[in-house]
């Protein structure tokens, strides 16, 4: 059975449906990075086959100002260097973009709520989006966006945020949230009015 490590970066922002799906198919370990003691290291990258890096309302550009994200930053470099599959969601994808040489910039407009994402040719051919239609609805809650890291591929686009998803090697980043339910959205709205 595959071993997957999920890193949750914010109490209200769980990995919801992603976690449910993975628990049915893999041995999942969930780490709440914000609760991990400073002196306790992350589990060895070699102990896992794949990784999911969760969102946080903290901007990736401010991540190093927060102890738990500063610690996670070096771990993300290890994950990216390992060549093992890794999906970063929203700020998780932003942090991975920076680790891979990309940037995080202000989105042309804050996106909160339902939007439509379109897959590029590379996105239609990518295993992450196997079985997806060319356009599909997503949920957003962000004001920053990542750039595609040098040597990476743009997988998904949208309006007003033109970069919705990328891949570089075995690292994927998406700015949108497919993992949340309506109950999750209500919890986020209560936590971040």
N, C-alpha and C. Protein backbone atom coordinates (compact mmCIF):
# COMPACT_ATOMS: atom_id res chain seq x y z
N UNK A 1 0.84 -1.18 0.00
CA UNK A 1 0.00 0.00 0.00
C UNK A 1 0.89 1.24 0.00
N UNK A 2 0.54 2.22 -0.83
CA UNK A 2 1.28 3.48 -0.89
C UNK A 2 1.15 4.24 0.43
N UNK A 3 2.21 4.97 0.77
CA UNK A 3 2.22 5.78 1.99
C UNK A 3 2.21 7.25 1.60
N UNK A 4 1.20 7.98 2.08
CA UNK A 4 1.03 9.38 1.72
C UNK A 4 1.09 10.23 2.99
N UNK A 5 1.85 11.31 2.92
CA UNK A 5 1.91 12.27 4.02
C UNK A 5 1.14 13.52 3.62
N UNK A 6 0.18 13.89 4.45
CA UNK A 6 -0.59 15.12 4.26
C UNK A 6 -0.12 16.11 5.31
N UNK A 7 0.22 17.31 4.87
CA UNK A 7 0.60 18.37 5.80
C UNK A 7 -0.52 19.41 5.83
N UNK A 8 -1.18 19.51 6.98
CA UNK A 8 -2.23 20.51 7.18
C UNK A 8 -1.57 21.74 7.78
N UNK A 9 -1.83 22.91 7.17
CA UNK A 9 -1.16 24.14 7.60
C UNK A 9 -2.05 25.14 8.31
N UNK A 10 -3.32 24.79 8.53
CA UNK A 10 -4.23 25.72 9.19
C UNK A 10 -5.38 24.91 9.78
N UNK A 11 -5.79 25.19 11.02
CA UNK A 11 -6.85 24.38 11.64
C UNK A 11 -8.15 24.29 10.83
N UNK A 12 -8.74 25.41 10.36
CA UNK A 12 -9.99 25.27 9.61
C UNK A 12 -9.81 24.68 8.20
N UNK A 13 -8.63 24.83 7.63
CA UNK A 13 -8.42 24.43 6.24
C UNK A 13 -7.86 23.01 6.16
N UNK A 14 -8.75 22.05 6.34
CA UNK A 14 -8.36 20.65 6.24
C UNK A 14 -8.23 20.28 4.76
N UNK A 15 -7.76 19.08 4.51
CA UNK A 15 -7.66 18.60 3.13
C UNK A 15 -8.89 17.78 2.75
N UNK A 16 -9.93 17.84 3.56
CA UNK A 16 -11.26 17.34 3.28
C UNK A 16 -11.37 16.14 2.36
N UNK A 17 -11.92 16.38 1.17
CA UNK A 17 -12.18 15.30 0.22
C UNK A 17 -10.90 14.63 -0.26
N UNK A 18 -9.81 15.37 -0.37
CA UNK A 18 -8.54 14.74 -0.76
C UNK A 18 -8.14 13.70 0.29
N UNK A 19 -8.24 14.08 1.55
CA UNK A 19 -7.86 13.16 2.62
C UNK A 19 -8.77 11.93 2.62
N UNK A 20 -10.08 12.15 2.47
CA UNK A 20 -11.02 11.03 2.43
C UNK A 20 -10.68 10.08 1.29
N UNK A 21 -10.46 10.63 0.11
CA UNK A 21 -10.12 9.81 -1.07
C UNK A 21 -8.84 9.02 -0.82
N UNK A 22 -7.82 9.68 -0.32
CA UNK A 22 -6.54 9.01 -0.11
C UNK A 22 -6.61 7.94 0.97
N UNK A 23 -7.37 8.19 2.04
CA UNK A 23 -7.47 7.19 3.12
C UNK A 23 -8.11 5.89 2.63
N UNK A 24 -8.94 5.98 1.59
CA UNK A 24 -9.56 4.78 1.01
C UNK A 24 -8.58 3.99 0.14
N UNK A 25 -7.45 4.61 -0.22
CA UNK A 25 -6.55 4.00 -1.18
C UNK A 25 -5.10 3.88 -0.73
N UNK A 26 -4.76 4.47 0.40
CA UNK A 26 -3.36 4.52 0.82
C UNK A 26 -3.28 4.57 2.34
N UNK A 27 -2.08 4.35 2.85
CA UNK A 27 -1.81 4.54 4.27
C UNK A 27 -1.44 6.02 4.44
N UNK A 28 -2.31 6.77 5.09
CA UNK A 28 -2.15 8.22 5.20
C UNK A 28 -1.68 8.61 6.60
N UNK A 29 -0.69 9.49 6.64
CA UNK A 29 -0.26 10.13 7.88
C UNK A 29 -0.60 11.61 7.74
N UNK A 30 -1.27 12.16 8.73
CA UNK A 30 -1.62 13.58 8.74
C UNK A 30 -0.76 14.28 9.78
N UNK A 31 -0.05 15.31 9.34
CA UNK A 31 0.72 16.14 10.26
C UNK A 31 0.10 17.53 10.27
N UNK A 32 -0.22 18.01 11.46
CA UNK A 32 -0.70 19.39 11.61
C UNK A 32 0.54 20.23 11.89
N UNK A 33 1.07 20.84 10.84
CA UNK A 33 2.36 21.53 10.94
C UNK A 33 2.35 22.61 12.02
N UNK A 34 1.23 23.28 12.20
CA UNK A 34 1.12 24.37 13.17
C UNK A 34 1.16 23.84 14.61
N UNK A 35 1.00 22.53 14.82
CA UNK A 35 1.07 21.93 16.16
C UNK A 35 2.38 21.19 16.41
N UNK A 36 3.19 21.01 15.39
CA UNK A 36 4.44 20.26 15.52
C UNK A 36 5.43 21.07 16.36
N UNK A 37 5.92 20.50 17.47
CA UNK A 37 6.89 21.24 18.29
C UNK A 37 8.11 21.64 17.47
N UNK A 38 8.65 22.81 17.77
CA UNK A 38 9.81 23.33 17.01
C UNK A 38 10.97 22.36 16.98
N UNK A 39 11.16 21.61 18.05
CA UNK A 39 12.31 20.70 18.12
C UNK A 39 12.03 19.34 17.48
N UNK A 40 10.78 19.10 17.12
CA UNK A 40 10.43 17.80 16.52
C UNK A 40 10.54 17.90 15.00
N UNK A 41 11.38 17.06 14.40
CA UNK A 41 11.54 17.14 12.94
C UNK A 41 10.34 16.53 12.21
N UNK A 42 10.19 16.91 10.95
CA UNK A 42 9.21 16.23 10.10
C UNK A 42 9.69 14.80 9.91
N UNK A 43 8.77 13.93 9.58
CA UNK A 43 9.12 12.53 9.34
C UNK A 43 9.98 12.42 8.09
N UNK A 44 10.87 11.44 8.01
CA UNK A 44 11.77 11.33 6.85
C UNK A 44 11.01 11.22 5.52
N UNK A 45 11.44 11.99 4.55
CA UNK A 45 10.83 11.97 3.22
C UNK A 45 10.83 10.55 2.66
N UNK A 46 11.89 9.80 2.92
CA UNK A 46 12.00 8.43 2.39
C UNK A 46 10.94 7.49 2.95
N UNK A 47 10.26 7.87 4.02
CA UNK A 47 9.21 7.02 4.60
C UNK A 47 7.90 7.09 3.83
N UNK A 48 7.81 7.98 2.82
CA UNK A 48 6.55 8.21 2.11
C UNK A 48 6.72 8.10 0.61
N UNK A 49 5.61 7.77 -0.06
CA UNK A 49 5.60 7.64 -1.51
C UNK A 49 5.07 8.90 -2.19
N UNK A 50 4.27 9.69 -1.48
CA UNK A 50 3.67 10.89 -2.06
C UNK A 50 3.30 11.85 -0.94
N UNK A 51 3.05 13.12 -1.33
CA UNK A 51 2.81 14.18 -0.35
C UNK A 51 1.70 15.11 -0.84
N UNK A 52 0.92 15.64 0.10
CA UNK A 52 -0.06 16.68 -0.19
C UNK A 52 0.20 17.80 0.82
N UNK A 53 0.40 19.01 0.30
CA UNK A 53 0.71 20.17 1.14
C UNK A 53 -0.51 21.09 1.14
N UNK A 54 -1.07 21.31 2.31
CA UNK A 54 -2.32 22.03 2.43
C UNK A 54 -2.19 23.54 2.44
N UNK A 55 -3.36 24.19 2.38
CA UNK A 55 -3.42 25.65 2.34
C UNK A 55 -3.29 26.28 3.72
N UNK A 56 -3.11 27.58 3.70
CA UNK A 56 -3.13 28.42 4.90
C UNK A 56 -3.45 29.84 4.42
N UNK A 57 -4.10 30.65 5.24
CA UNK A 57 -4.35 32.03 4.83
C UNK A 57 -3.10 32.90 4.84
N UNK A 58 -2.00 32.38 5.35
CA UNK A 58 -0.74 33.12 5.37
C UNK A 58 -0.19 33.17 3.94
N UNK A 59 0.25 34.33 3.50
CA UNK A 59 0.86 34.44 2.17
C UNK A 59 2.17 33.65 2.14
N UNK A 60 2.41 32.97 1.04
CA UNK A 60 3.69 32.25 0.89
C UNK A 60 4.86 33.21 1.00
N UNK A 61 4.66 34.47 0.62
CA UNK A 61 5.73 35.46 0.73
C UNK A 61 6.04 35.81 2.18
N UNK A 62 5.14 35.49 3.09
CA UNK A 62 5.35 35.75 4.52
C UNK A 62 5.63 34.47 5.30
N UNK A 63 5.76 33.36 4.62
CA UNK A 63 5.89 32.06 5.29
C UNK A 63 7.08 32.02 6.25
N UNK A 64 8.18 32.63 5.87
CA UNK A 64 9.38 32.54 6.71
C UNK A 64 9.27 33.36 7.99
N UNK A 65 8.21 34.16 8.12
CA UNK A 65 7.97 34.92 9.35
C UNK A 65 7.28 34.06 10.41
N UNK A 66 6.86 32.86 10.04
CA UNK A 66 6.12 31.97 10.94
C UNK A 66 6.96 30.72 11.19
N UNK A 67 7.23 30.44 12.45
CA UNK A 67 8.13 29.34 12.80
C UNK A 67 7.77 28.02 12.15
N UNK A 68 6.48 27.66 12.19
CA UNK A 68 6.11 26.35 11.67
C UNK A 68 6.29 26.28 10.15
N UNK A 69 6.04 27.38 9.45
CA UNK A 69 6.23 27.37 7.99
C UNK A 69 7.71 27.48 7.62
N UNK A 70 8.48 28.17 8.42
CA UNK A 70 9.93 28.23 8.17
C UNK A 70 10.52 26.82 8.25
N UNK A 71 10.08 26.08 9.25
CA UNK A 71 10.54 24.70 9.41
C UNK A 71 10.06 23.85 8.22
N UNK A 72 8.83 24.05 7.81
CA UNK A 72 8.26 23.29 6.69
C UNK A 72 8.98 23.60 5.38
N UNK A 73 9.43 24.83 5.24
CA UNK A 73 10.07 25.29 3.99
C UNK A 73 11.22 24.37 3.58
N UNK A 74 12.10 24.06 4.53
CA UNK A 74 13.24 23.20 4.19
C UNK A 74 12.77 21.78 3.89
N UNK A 75 11.69 21.36 4.54
CA UNK A 75 11.13 20.04 4.26
C UNK A 75 10.56 19.99 2.84
N UNK A 76 9.93 21.09 2.41
CA UNK A 76 9.40 21.14 1.04
C UNK A 76 10.52 21.02 0.02
N UNK A 77 11.67 21.61 0.33
CA UNK A 77 12.82 21.46 -0.57
C UNK A 77 13.24 20.00 -0.67
N UNK A 78 13.25 19.31 0.47
CA UNK A 78 13.59 17.88 0.47
C UNK A 78 12.59 17.09 -0.38
N UNK A 79 11.31 17.39 -0.21
CA UNK A 79 10.27 16.69 -0.97
C UNK A 79 10.47 16.94 -2.46
N UNK A 80 10.64 18.20 -2.85
CA UNK A 80 10.82 18.53 -4.27
C UNK A 80 12.05 17.83 -4.84
N UNK A 81 13.12 17.80 -4.08
CA UNK A 81 14.36 17.16 -4.54
C UNK A 81 14.24 15.63 -4.61
N UNK A 82 13.28 15.05 -3.89
CA UNK A 82 13.16 13.59 -3.85
C UNK A 82 12.62 12.99 -5.15
N UNK A 83 11.92 13.81 -5.93
CA UNK A 83 11.30 13.30 -7.15
C UNK A 83 10.00 12.55 -6.91
N UNK A 84 9.55 12.50 -5.65
CA UNK A 84 8.30 11.81 -5.33
C UNK A 84 7.12 12.74 -5.63
N UNK A 85 5.96 12.18 -5.99
CA UNK A 85 4.80 13.01 -6.30
C UNK A 85 4.38 13.87 -5.11
N UNK A 86 4.09 15.13 -5.41
CA UNK A 86 3.68 16.08 -4.38
C UNK A 86 2.67 17.05 -4.98
N UNK A 87 1.54 17.22 -4.30
CA UNK A 87 0.52 18.19 -4.70
C UNK A 87 0.45 19.27 -3.65
N UNK A 88 0.59 20.53 -4.08
CA UNK A 88 0.43 21.67 -3.20
C UNK A 88 -0.87 22.38 -3.52
N UNK A 89 -1.68 22.63 -2.49
CA UNK A 89 -2.99 23.25 -2.67
C UNK A 89 -2.94 24.69 -2.16
N UNK A 90 -3.30 25.63 -3.02
CA UNK A 90 -3.36 27.06 -2.71
C UNK A 90 -2.00 27.52 -2.17
N UNK A 91 -1.89 27.90 -0.91
CA UNK A 91 -0.59 28.35 -0.40
C UNK A 91 0.44 27.22 -0.43
N UNK A 92 0.00 25.98 -0.31
CA UNK A 92 0.92 24.85 -0.47
C UNK A 92 1.55 24.85 -1.85
N UNK A 93 0.75 25.13 -2.88
CA UNK A 93 1.26 25.23 -4.24
C UNK A 93 2.13 26.46 -4.43
N UNK A 94 1.78 27.54 -3.72
CA UNK A 94 2.59 28.76 -3.80
C UNK A 94 3.97 28.53 -3.19
N UNK A 95 4.02 27.91 -2.02
CA UNK A 95 5.32 27.66 -1.39
C UNK A 95 6.17 26.75 -2.26
N UNK A 96 5.55 25.73 -2.85
CA UNK A 96 6.31 24.83 -3.73
C UNK A 96 6.80 25.55 -4.97
N UNK A 97 6.00 26.48 -5.51
CA UNK A 97 6.44 27.26 -6.67
C UNK A 97 7.72 28.02 -6.33
N UNK A 98 7.74 28.67 -5.17
CA UNK A 98 8.94 29.42 -4.76
C UNK A 98 10.13 28.48 -4.58
N UNK A 99 9.90 27.34 -3.91
CA UNK A 99 10.97 26.35 -3.71
C UNK A 99 11.56 25.92 -5.06
N UNK A 100 10.71 25.85 -6.09
CA UNK A 100 11.14 25.40 -7.42
C UNK A 100 11.64 26.54 -8.31
N UNK A 101 11.75 27.74 -7.76
CA UNK A 101 12.29 28.87 -8.52
C UNK A 101 11.25 29.83 -9.07
N UNK A 102 9.98 29.59 -8.76
CA UNK A 102 8.92 30.50 -9.19
C UNK A 102 8.74 31.64 -8.21
N UNK A 103 7.65 32.37 -8.38
CA UNK A 103 7.34 33.51 -7.52
C UNK A 103 5.89 33.45 -7.10
N UNK A 104 5.56 34.24 -6.08
CA UNK A 104 4.18 34.45 -5.69
C UNK A 104 3.93 35.95 -5.77
N UNK A 105 2.89 36.31 -6.52
CA UNK A 105 2.54 37.70 -6.76
C UNK A 105 1.06 37.90 -6.45
N UNK A 106 0.65 39.16 -6.36
CA UNK A 106 -0.77 39.45 -6.14
C UNK A 106 -1.56 39.01 -7.37
N UNK A 107 -2.67 38.37 -7.12
CA UNK A 107 -3.58 38.00 -8.20
C UNK A 107 -4.21 39.28 -8.75
N UNK A 108 -4.59 39.31 -10.03
CA UNK A 108 -5.24 40.50 -10.57
C UNK A 108 -6.47 40.91 -9.76
N UNK A 109 -7.10 39.95 -9.11
CA UNK A 109 -8.27 40.21 -8.30
C UNK A 109 -8.39 39.10 -7.27
N UNK A 110 -8.87 39.43 -6.08
CA UNK A 110 -9.09 38.39 -5.07
C UNK A 110 -10.19 37.46 -5.59
N UNK A 111 -9.97 36.17 -5.45
CA UNK A 111 -10.97 35.19 -5.87
C UNK A 111 -11.51 34.49 -4.63
N UNK A 112 -12.80 34.65 -4.39
CA UNK A 112 -13.47 33.95 -3.30
C UNK A 112 -14.80 33.46 -3.84
N UNK A 113 -15.03 32.15 -3.76
CA UNK A 113 -16.28 31.58 -4.24
C UNK A 113 -16.07 30.66 -5.43
N UNK A 114 -17.14 30.48 -6.20
CA UNK A 114 -17.10 29.56 -7.33
C UNK A 114 -16.62 30.22 -8.61
N UNK A 115 -15.74 29.53 -9.31
CA UNK A 115 -15.18 29.99 -10.58
C UNK A 115 -15.05 28.78 -11.51
N UNK A 116 -14.73 29.06 -12.77
CA UNK A 116 -14.48 28.01 -13.74
C UNK A 116 -13.01 28.02 -14.11
N UNK A 117 -12.42 26.83 -14.16
CA UNK A 117 -11.03 26.65 -14.56
C UNK A 117 -11.01 25.92 -15.89
N UNK A 118 -10.06 26.30 -16.75
CA UNK A 118 -9.87 25.63 -18.05
C UNK A 118 -8.51 24.96 -18.07
N UNK A 119 -8.49 23.73 -18.54
CA UNK A 119 -7.21 23.02 -18.68
C UNK A 119 -6.53 23.42 -19.98
N UNK A 120 -5.24 23.56 -19.93
CA UNK A 120 -4.44 23.79 -21.14
C UNK A 120 -4.24 22.44 -21.84
N UNK A 121 -3.59 22.45 -22.99
CA UNK A 121 -3.26 21.19 -23.65
C UNK A 121 -2.43 20.30 -22.75
N UNK A 122 -1.45 20.90 -22.06
CA UNK A 122 -0.63 20.12 -21.12
C UNK A 122 -1.48 19.60 -19.96
N UNK A 123 -2.44 20.40 -19.52
CA UNK A 123 -3.32 19.97 -18.44
C UNK A 123 -4.21 18.80 -18.84
N UNK A 124 -4.73 18.86 -20.06
CA UNK A 124 -5.57 17.76 -20.55
C UNK A 124 -4.78 16.46 -20.64
N UNK A 125 -3.48 16.57 -20.91
CA UNK A 125 -2.62 15.38 -21.03
C UNK A 125 -2.02 14.93 -19.71
N UNK A 126 -2.20 15.72 -18.64
CA UNK A 126 -1.53 15.42 -17.38
C UNK A 126 -2.33 14.41 -16.55
N UNK A 127 -1.62 13.49 -15.91
CA UNK A 127 -2.27 12.46 -15.10
C UNK A 127 -3.07 13.02 -13.94
N UNK A 128 -2.70 14.18 -13.42
CA UNK A 128 -3.45 14.77 -12.30
C UNK A 128 -4.89 15.04 -12.70
N UNK A 129 -5.11 15.43 -13.95
CA UNK A 129 -6.44 15.81 -14.41
C UNK A 129 -7.07 14.75 -15.32
N UNK A 130 -6.59 13.52 -15.22
CA UNK A 130 -7.15 12.43 -16.02
C UNK A 130 -8.65 12.31 -15.75
N UNK A 131 -9.44 12.32 -16.80
CA UNK A 131 -10.89 12.18 -16.66
C UNK A 131 -11.62 13.49 -16.43
N UNK A 132 -10.91 14.60 -16.27
CA UNK A 132 -11.56 15.90 -16.09
C UNK A 132 -11.99 16.44 -17.45
N UNK A 133 -13.10 17.18 -17.49
CA UNK A 133 -13.45 17.89 -18.72
C UNK A 133 -12.49 19.06 -18.94
N UNK A 134 -12.54 19.67 -20.10
CA UNK A 134 -11.66 20.81 -20.40
C UNK A 134 -11.92 22.01 -19.50
N UNK A 135 -13.16 22.16 -19.02
CA UNK A 135 -13.53 23.23 -18.09
C UNK A 135 -14.31 22.59 -16.95
N UNK A 136 -14.08 23.08 -15.74
CA UNK A 136 -14.80 22.54 -14.59
C UNK A 136 -14.88 23.58 -13.48
N UNK A 137 -15.91 23.47 -12.61
CA UNK A 137 -16.08 24.44 -11.53
C UNK A 137 -15.14 24.14 -10.36
N UNK A 138 -14.67 25.21 -9.73
CA UNK A 138 -13.79 25.10 -8.57
C UNK A 138 -14.20 26.12 -7.52
N UNK A 139 -13.66 25.97 -6.33
CA UNK A 139 -13.83 26.95 -5.27
C UNK A 139 -12.50 27.65 -5.05
N UNK A 140 -12.58 28.96 -4.85
CA UNK A 140 -11.38 29.76 -4.61
C UNK A 140 -11.49 30.54 -3.31
N UNK A 141 -10.31 30.78 -2.70
CA UNK A 141 -10.22 31.71 -1.58
C UNK A 141 -8.76 32.15 -1.51
N UNK A 142 -8.40 33.11 -2.34
CA UNK A 142 -7.00 33.57 -2.36
C UNK A 142 -6.90 34.96 -2.97
N UNK A 143 -5.82 35.65 -2.63
CA UNK A 143 -5.53 36.95 -3.25
C UNK A 143 -4.14 36.96 -3.89
N UNK A 144 -3.35 35.93 -3.65
CA UNK A 144 -2.03 35.78 -4.29
C UNK A 144 -2.11 34.66 -5.31
N UNK A 145 -1.18 34.65 -6.23
CA UNK A 145 -1.08 33.54 -7.18
C UNK A 145 0.38 33.22 -7.41
N UNK A 146 0.64 31.99 -7.81
CA UNK A 146 2.01 31.58 -8.11
C UNK A 146 2.31 31.79 -9.58
N UNK A 147 3.59 31.80 -9.90
CA UNK A 147 4.01 31.71 -11.29
C UNK A 147 4.39 30.26 -11.55
N UNK A 148 4.44 29.89 -12.82
CA UNK A 148 4.90 28.56 -13.17
C UNK A 148 6.41 28.55 -12.97
N UNK A 149 6.93 27.63 -12.18
CA UNK A 149 8.38 27.60 -11.97
C UNK A 149 9.13 27.39 -13.28
N UNK A 150 10.34 27.93 -13.41
CA UNK A 150 11.13 27.73 -14.63
C UNK A 150 11.23 26.24 -14.98
N UNK A 151 10.95 25.93 -16.24
CA UNK A 151 10.98 24.54 -16.69
C UNK A 151 9.70 23.79 -16.42
N UNK A 152 8.73 24.44 -15.77
CA UNK A 152 7.45 23.80 -15.48
C UNK A 152 6.45 24.02 -16.60
N UNK A 153 5.26 23.46 -16.43
CA UNK A 153 4.20 23.57 -17.43
C UNK A 153 2.95 24.15 -16.80
N UNK A 154 2.30 25.06 -17.52
CA UNK A 154 1.01 25.61 -17.12
C UNK A 154 -0.05 24.56 -17.43
N UNK A 155 -0.81 24.14 -16.43
CA UNK A 155 -1.82 23.10 -16.61
C UNK A 155 -3.24 23.63 -16.64
N UNK A 156 -3.49 24.73 -15.93
CA UNK A 156 -4.86 25.24 -15.83
C UNK A 156 -4.85 26.76 -15.77
N UNK A 157 -5.86 27.35 -16.39
CA UNK A 157 -5.99 28.80 -16.43
C UNK A 157 -7.39 29.20 -15.99
N UNK A 158 -7.57 30.49 -15.77
CA UNK A 158 -8.87 31.00 -15.40
C UNK A 158 -8.88 32.51 -15.46
N UNK A 159 -10.02 33.08 -15.11
CA UNK A 159 -10.19 34.52 -15.07
C UNK A 159 -10.79 34.87 -13.71
N UNK A 160 -10.25 35.82 -13.00
CA UNK A 160 -9.20 36.76 -13.36
C UNK A 160 -7.78 36.24 -13.13
N UNK A 161 -7.62 35.16 -12.39
CA UNK A 161 -6.28 34.63 -12.12
C UNK A 161 -5.87 33.71 -13.27
N UNK A 162 -4.87 34.11 -14.07
CA UNK A 162 -4.55 33.35 -15.27
C UNK A 162 -3.76 32.06 -15.03
N UNK A 163 -3.17 31.91 -13.86
CA UNK A 163 -2.37 30.71 -13.57
C UNK A 163 -3.06 29.95 -12.44
N UNK A 164 -3.72 28.87 -12.79
CA UNK A 164 -4.50 28.10 -11.83
C UNK A 164 -3.82 26.79 -11.41
N UNK A 165 -2.92 26.31 -12.23
CA UNK A 165 -2.24 25.06 -11.90
C UNK A 165 -0.98 24.88 -12.72
N UNK A 166 0.01 24.22 -12.14
CA UNK A 166 1.28 23.97 -12.83
C UNK A 166 1.81 22.60 -12.45
N UNK A 167 2.79 22.18 -13.21
CA UNK A 167 3.55 20.98 -12.88
C UNK A 167 5.00 21.22 -13.23
N UNK A 168 5.87 20.80 -12.34
CA UNK A 168 7.30 20.75 -12.64
C UNK A 168 7.80 19.42 -12.09
N UNK A 169 8.22 18.54 -12.99
CA UNK A 169 8.63 17.20 -12.56
C UNK A 169 7.45 16.49 -11.93
N UNK A 170 7.64 16.02 -10.71
CA UNK A 170 6.57 15.34 -9.98
C UNK A 170 5.92 16.23 -8.93
N UNK A 171 6.04 17.54 -9.10
CA UNK A 171 5.41 18.49 -8.19
C UNK A 171 4.30 19.22 -8.95
N UNK A 172 3.11 19.21 -8.36
CA UNK A 172 1.97 19.92 -8.91
C UNK A 172 1.53 20.99 -7.92
N UNK A 173 1.05 22.11 -8.45
CA UNK A 173 0.47 23.14 -7.61
C UNK A 173 -0.84 23.59 -8.21
N UNK A 174 -1.86 23.72 -7.38
CA UNK A 174 -3.15 24.27 -7.82
C UNK A 174 -3.53 25.38 -6.85
N UNK A 175 -4.13 26.43 -7.38
CA UNK A 175 -4.54 27.55 -6.54
C UNK A 175 -5.97 27.36 -6.04
N UNK A 176 -6.69 26.46 -6.68
CA UNK A 176 -8.11 26.25 -6.37
C UNK A 176 -8.29 25.09 -5.37
N UNK A 177 -9.51 25.00 -4.88
CA UNK A 177 -9.85 24.01 -3.85
C UNK A 177 -10.93 23.06 -4.37
N UNK A 178 -10.52 21.85 -4.70
CA UNK A 178 -11.49 20.80 -5.03
C UNK A 178 -11.80 19.95 -3.81
N UNK A 179 -11.07 20.18 -2.74
CA UNK A 179 -11.16 19.32 -1.56
C UNK A 179 -12.27 19.70 -0.59
N UNK A 180 -12.92 20.85 -0.80
CA UNK A 180 -13.85 21.31 0.23
C UNK A 180 -15.30 21.00 -0.12
N UNK A 181 -16.08 20.83 0.94
CA UNK A 181 -17.52 20.65 0.83
C UNK A 181 -18.18 21.97 1.21
N UNK A 182 -19.50 22.04 1.09
CA UNK A 182 -20.19 23.28 1.49
C UNK A 182 -20.01 23.53 2.99
N UNK A 183 -19.94 22.46 3.78
CA UNK A 183 -19.68 22.61 5.22
C UNK A 183 -18.31 23.20 5.49
N UNK A 184 -17.31 22.77 4.70
CA UNK A 184 -15.96 23.33 4.84
C UNK A 184 -15.97 24.82 4.51
N UNK A 185 -16.66 25.18 3.43
CA UNK A 185 -16.73 26.59 3.01
C UNK A 185 -17.36 27.44 4.11
N UNK A 186 -18.39 26.92 4.76
CA UNK A 186 -19.02 27.66 5.87
C UNK A 186 -18.04 27.83 7.03
N UNK A 187 -17.28 26.77 7.32
CA UNK A 187 -16.30 26.85 8.41
C UNK A 187 -15.24 27.90 8.10
N UNK A 188 -14.76 27.93 6.84
CA UNK A 188 -13.77 28.92 6.44
C UNK A 188 -14.35 30.33 6.56
N UNK A 189 -15.59 30.50 6.12
CA UNK A 189 -16.22 31.82 6.17
C UNK A 189 -16.36 32.30 7.62
N UNK A 190 -16.64 31.38 8.53
CA UNK A 190 -16.73 31.74 9.95
C UNK A 190 -15.36 32.09 10.52
N UNK A 191 -14.34 31.36 10.09
CA UNK A 191 -12.98 31.59 10.60
C UNK A 191 -12.35 32.85 10.03
N UNK A 192 -12.71 33.18 8.78
CA UNK A 192 -12.09 34.31 8.08
C UNK A 192 -13.16 35.20 7.47
N UNK A 193 -13.91 35.93 8.32
CA UNK A 193 -15.02 36.76 7.79
C UNK A 193 -14.55 37.88 6.88
